[in-house]
Amino acid sequence: MTSNNPETVRGTCSFCGETVTGRQAIIHYETAGGEPGVWAECPGCGKIVDPTNA
């Protein structure tokens, strides 16, 4: 399970490259493989993204 700390970096926006933190998280989920995931609103461009770790 991932940290619930709102300052935890979740990844980057696939559209604009902005850093996405737990503060922007909208939906937390678990993949079929048991890995945690999150959908979040990018603070830079406002799009809903699945943050990627680059």
N, C-alpha and C. Protein backbone atom coordinates (compact mmCIF):
# COMPACT_ATOMS: atom_id res chain seq x y z
N MET A 1 0.85 -1.18 0.00
CA MET A 1 0.00 0.00 0.00
C MET A 1 0.88 1.23 0.00
N THR A 2 0.48 2.25 -0.73
CA THR A 2 1.24 3.49 -0.80
C THR A 2 0.92 4.38 0.38
N SER A 3 1.82 5.31 0.63
CA SER A 3 1.65 6.26 1.72
C SER A 3 0.46 7.18 1.46
N ASN A 4 -0.25 7.55 2.54
CA ASN A 4 -1.37 8.49 2.43
C ASN A 4 -0.93 9.93 2.62
N ASN A 5 0.38 10.16 2.74
CA ASN A 5 0.91 11.50 2.91
C ASN A 5 0.61 12.32 1.65
N PRO A 6 -0.06 13.47 1.78
CA PRO A 6 -0.40 14.26 0.59
C PRO A 6 0.81 14.82 -0.15
N GLU A 7 1.97 14.83 0.46
CA GLU A 7 3.17 15.36 -0.19
C GLU A 7 3.97 14.27 -0.91
N THR A 8 3.55 13.01 -0.82
CA THR A 8 4.24 11.92 -1.49
C THR A 8 4.14 12.11 -3.00
N VAL A 9 5.26 12.09 -3.69
CA VAL A 9 5.27 12.22 -5.15
C VAL A 9 4.74 10.92 -5.75
N ARG A 10 3.70 11.05 -6.58
CA ARG A 10 3.08 9.89 -7.24
C ARG A 10 3.65 9.65 -8.62
N GLY A 11 4.26 10.68 -9.19
CA GLY A 11 4.84 10.56 -10.53
C GLY A 11 4.74 11.88 -11.26
N THR A 12 4.76 11.79 -12.59
CA THR A 12 4.67 12.99 -13.40
C THR A 12 3.51 12.89 -14.38
N CYS A 13 3.03 14.03 -14.81
CA CYS A 13 1.94 14.10 -15.78
C CYS A 13 2.46 13.68 -17.15
N SER A 14 1.71 12.79 -17.82
CA SER A 14 2.13 12.33 -19.14
C SER A 14 1.88 13.39 -20.22
N PHE A 15 1.17 14.45 -19.90
CA PHE A 15 0.89 15.51 -20.86
C PHE A 15 1.91 16.65 -20.77
N CYS A 16 2.14 17.15 -19.54
CA CYS A 16 2.99 18.33 -19.40
C CYS A 16 4.26 18.10 -18.57
N GLY A 17 4.39 16.94 -17.93
CA GLY A 17 5.60 16.63 -17.17
C GLY A 17 5.63 17.17 -15.75
N GLU A 18 4.56 17.83 -15.31
CA GLU A 18 4.48 18.39 -13.95
C GLU A 18 4.51 17.26 -12.92
N THR A 19 5.10 17.52 -11.76
CA THR A 19 5.11 16.55 -10.67
C THR A 19 3.72 16.46 -10.05
N VAL A 20 3.24 15.24 -9.85
CA VAL A 20 1.93 14.99 -9.26
C VAL A 20 2.14 14.35 -7.89
N THR A 21 1.54 14.93 -6.86
CA THR A 21 1.67 14.41 -5.50
C THR A 21 0.35 13.79 -5.04
N GLY A 22 0.38 13.21 -3.87
CA GLY A 22 -0.82 12.61 -3.29
C GLY A 22 -1.93 13.62 -3.08
N ARG A 23 -1.58 14.88 -2.97
CA ARG A 23 -2.58 15.94 -2.77
C ARG A 23 -3.55 16.02 -3.95
N GLN A 24 -3.08 15.69 -5.15
CA GLN A 24 -3.91 15.76 -6.35
C GLN A 24 -4.67 14.45 -6.63
N ALA A 25 -4.46 13.42 -5.82
CA ALA A 25 -5.09 12.12 -6.05
C ALA A 25 -6.61 12.22 -6.00
N ILE A 26 -7.26 11.57 -6.96
CA ILE A 26 -8.72 11.53 -7.01
C ILE A 26 -9.21 10.12 -6.69
N ILE A 27 -8.59 9.12 -7.33
CA ILE A 27 -9.00 7.72 -7.15
C ILE A 27 -7.77 6.86 -6.88
N HIS A 28 -7.82 6.08 -5.81
CA HIS A 28 -6.80 5.08 -5.51
C HIS A 28 -7.37 3.73 -5.90
N TYR A 29 -6.55 2.89 -6.53
CA TYR A 29 -7.03 1.57 -6.94
C TYR A 29 -5.90 0.55 -6.84
N GLU A 30 -6.26 -0.71 -7.01
CA GLU A 30 -5.29 -1.79 -7.02
C GLU A 30 -5.43 -2.54 -8.33
N THR A 31 -4.32 -2.78 -9.01
CA THR A 31 -4.35 -3.49 -10.29
C THR A 31 -4.64 -4.97 -10.06
N ALA A 32 -4.91 -5.67 -11.14
CA ALA A 32 -5.16 -7.12 -11.06
C ALA A 32 -3.94 -7.84 -10.49
N GLY A 33 -2.75 -7.27 -10.69
CA GLY A 33 -1.52 -7.85 -10.16
C GLY A 33 -1.23 -7.46 -8.72
N GLY A 34 -2.14 -6.68 -8.10
CA GLY A 34 -1.97 -6.28 -6.71
C GLY A 34 -1.17 -5.02 -6.49
N GLU A 35 -0.77 -4.36 -7.58
CA GLU A 35 0.00 -3.12 -7.45
C GLU A 35 -0.94 -1.94 -7.23
N PRO A 36 -0.55 -0.98 -6.37
CA PRO A 36 -1.39 0.20 -6.16
C PRO A 36 -1.29 1.15 -7.35
N GLY A 37 -2.36 1.88 -7.59
CA GLY A 37 -2.40 2.87 -8.65
C GLY A 37 -3.20 4.07 -8.20
N VAL A 38 -3.11 5.14 -8.96
CA VAL A 38 -3.84 6.35 -8.62
C VAL A 38 -4.16 7.13 -9.90
N TRP A 39 -5.31 7.73 -9.93
CA TRP A 39 -5.68 8.72 -10.94
C TRP A 39 -5.68 10.05 -10.21
N ALA A 40 -5.12 11.07 -10.85
CA ALA A 40 -4.98 12.36 -10.18
C ALA A 40 -5.19 13.51 -11.16
N GLU A 41 -5.50 14.68 -10.61
CA GLU A 41 -5.61 15.88 -11.43
C GLU A 41 -4.25 16.58 -11.44
N CYS A 42 -3.70 16.77 -12.63
CA CYS A 42 -2.39 17.43 -12.75
C CYS A 42 -2.49 18.87 -12.28
N PRO A 43 -1.58 19.30 -11.40
CA PRO A 43 -1.61 20.70 -10.94
C PRO A 43 -1.14 21.68 -12.01
N GLY A 44 -0.49 21.18 -13.06
CA GLY A 44 0.02 22.06 -14.11
C GLY A 44 -0.99 22.32 -15.21
N CYS A 45 -1.55 21.23 -15.79
CA CYS A 45 -2.44 21.40 -16.93
C CYS A 45 -3.90 21.08 -16.62
N GLY A 46 -4.17 20.50 -15.44
CA GLY A 46 -5.54 20.23 -15.03
C GLY A 46 -6.14 18.96 -15.59
N LYS A 47 -5.39 18.20 -16.39
CA LYS A 47 -5.91 16.96 -16.96
C LYS A 47 -5.89 15.85 -15.91
N ILE A 48 -6.79 14.89 -16.07
CA ILE A 48 -6.82 13.72 -15.20
C ILE A 48 -5.84 12.71 -15.77
N VAL A 49 -4.87 12.29 -14.95
CA VAL A 49 -3.80 11.42 -15.42
C VAL A 49 -3.55 10.24 -14.48
N ASP A 50 -2.92 9.23 -15.04
CA ASP A 50 -2.35 8.11 -14.27
C ASP A 50 -0.86 8.45 -14.21
N PRO A 51 -0.40 9.09 -13.12
CA PRO A 51 0.98 9.58 -13.06
C PRO A 51 1.99 8.46 -13.34
N THR A 52 3.03 8.80 -14.08
CA THR A 52 4.09 7.84 -14.39
C THR A 52 5.35 8.23 -13.63
N ASN A 53 6.11 7.25 -13.26
CA ASN A 53 7.39 7.49 -12.60
C ASN A 53 8.48 7.44 -13.67
N ALA A 54 9.10 8.57 -13.91
CA ALA A 54 10.13 8.64 -14.94
C ALA A 54 11.51 8.51 -14.32
